[in-house]
């Protein structure tokens, strides 16, 4: 089963939303990106939203 992780930064860390090929799997909060990577390094894709040009 492939998993896909959408990641968005927030003031206190990172929010990750996980989908499989078939369905929503879950969502988690991470204080640092390395913990997120440890949990999802086997994902087919990790897509990180990084706004450019915002102050």
Protein backbone atom coordinates (compact mmCIF):
# COMPACT_ATOMS: atom_id res chain seq x y z
CA UNK A 1 0.00 0.00 0.00
CA UNK A 2 1.40 3.40 -0.98
CA UNK A 3 1.05 6.31 1.43
CA UNK A 4 1.19 10.00 0.65
CA UNK A 5 1.89 12.65 3.29
CA UNK A 6 0.91 16.30 3.02
CA UNK A 7 2.87 18.51 5.41
CA UNK A 8 2.31 22.11 6.45
CA UNK A 9 4.30 24.20 8.88
CA UNK A 10 2.63 25.86 11.85
CA UNK A 11 4.03 28.09 14.62
CA UNK A 12 4.80 25.14 16.91
CA UNK A 13 5.91 22.52 14.38
CA UNK A 14 4.46 20.53 11.50
CA UNK A 15 1.06 19.03 10.68
CA UNK A 16 1.08 15.86 8.58
CA UNK A 17 -2.00 14.42 6.84
CA UNK A 18 -1.64 10.88 5.49
CA UNK A 19 -3.59 9.18 2.71
CA UNK A 20 -3.21 5.73 1.21
CA UNK A 21 -4.10 4.75 -2.34
CA UNK A 22 -7.62 4.09 -1.09
CA UNK A 23 -8.46 6.33 1.87
CA UNK A 24 -7.58 8.85 4.58
CA UNK A 25 -5.17 7.28 7.10
CA UNK A 26 -4.76 9.97 9.74
CA UNK A 27 -3.20 13.25 10.83
CA UNK A 28 -0.41 13.99 13.29
CA UNK A 29 1.48 16.92 14.81
CA UNK A 30 5.28 16.93 14.95
CA UNK A 31 7.46 19.39 16.83
CA UNK A 32 10.32 18.86 14.39
CA UNK A 33 10.66 17.65 10.82
CA UNK A 34 13.10 14.86 11.69
CA UNK A 35 10.45 13.07 13.78
CA UNK A 36 8.02 13.38 10.88
CA UNK A 37 10.63 11.84 8.56
CA UNK A 38 11.26 9.00 11.03
CA UNK A 39 7.55 8.11 11.02
CA UNK A 40 6.96 8.49 7.26
CA UNK A 41 10.26 7.75 5.50
CA UNK A 42 8.59 4.81 3.73
CA UNK A 43 5.89 7.01 2.13
CA UNK A 44 5.62 7.10 -1.65
CA UNK A 45 5.60 10.91 -1.50
CA UNK A 46 6.00 13.57 1.19
CA UNK A 47 4.68 16.91 -0.04
CA UNK A 48 5.73 19.93 2.03
CA UNK A 49 3.95 23.26 1.70
CA UNK A 50 6.49 26.05 2.09
CA UNK A 51 5.19 29.57 1.44
CA UNK A 52 7.74 31.71 -0.37
CA UNK A 53 7.90 35.46 0.07
CA UNK A 54 5.83 35.73 3.27
CA UNK A 55 7.26 37.71 6.14
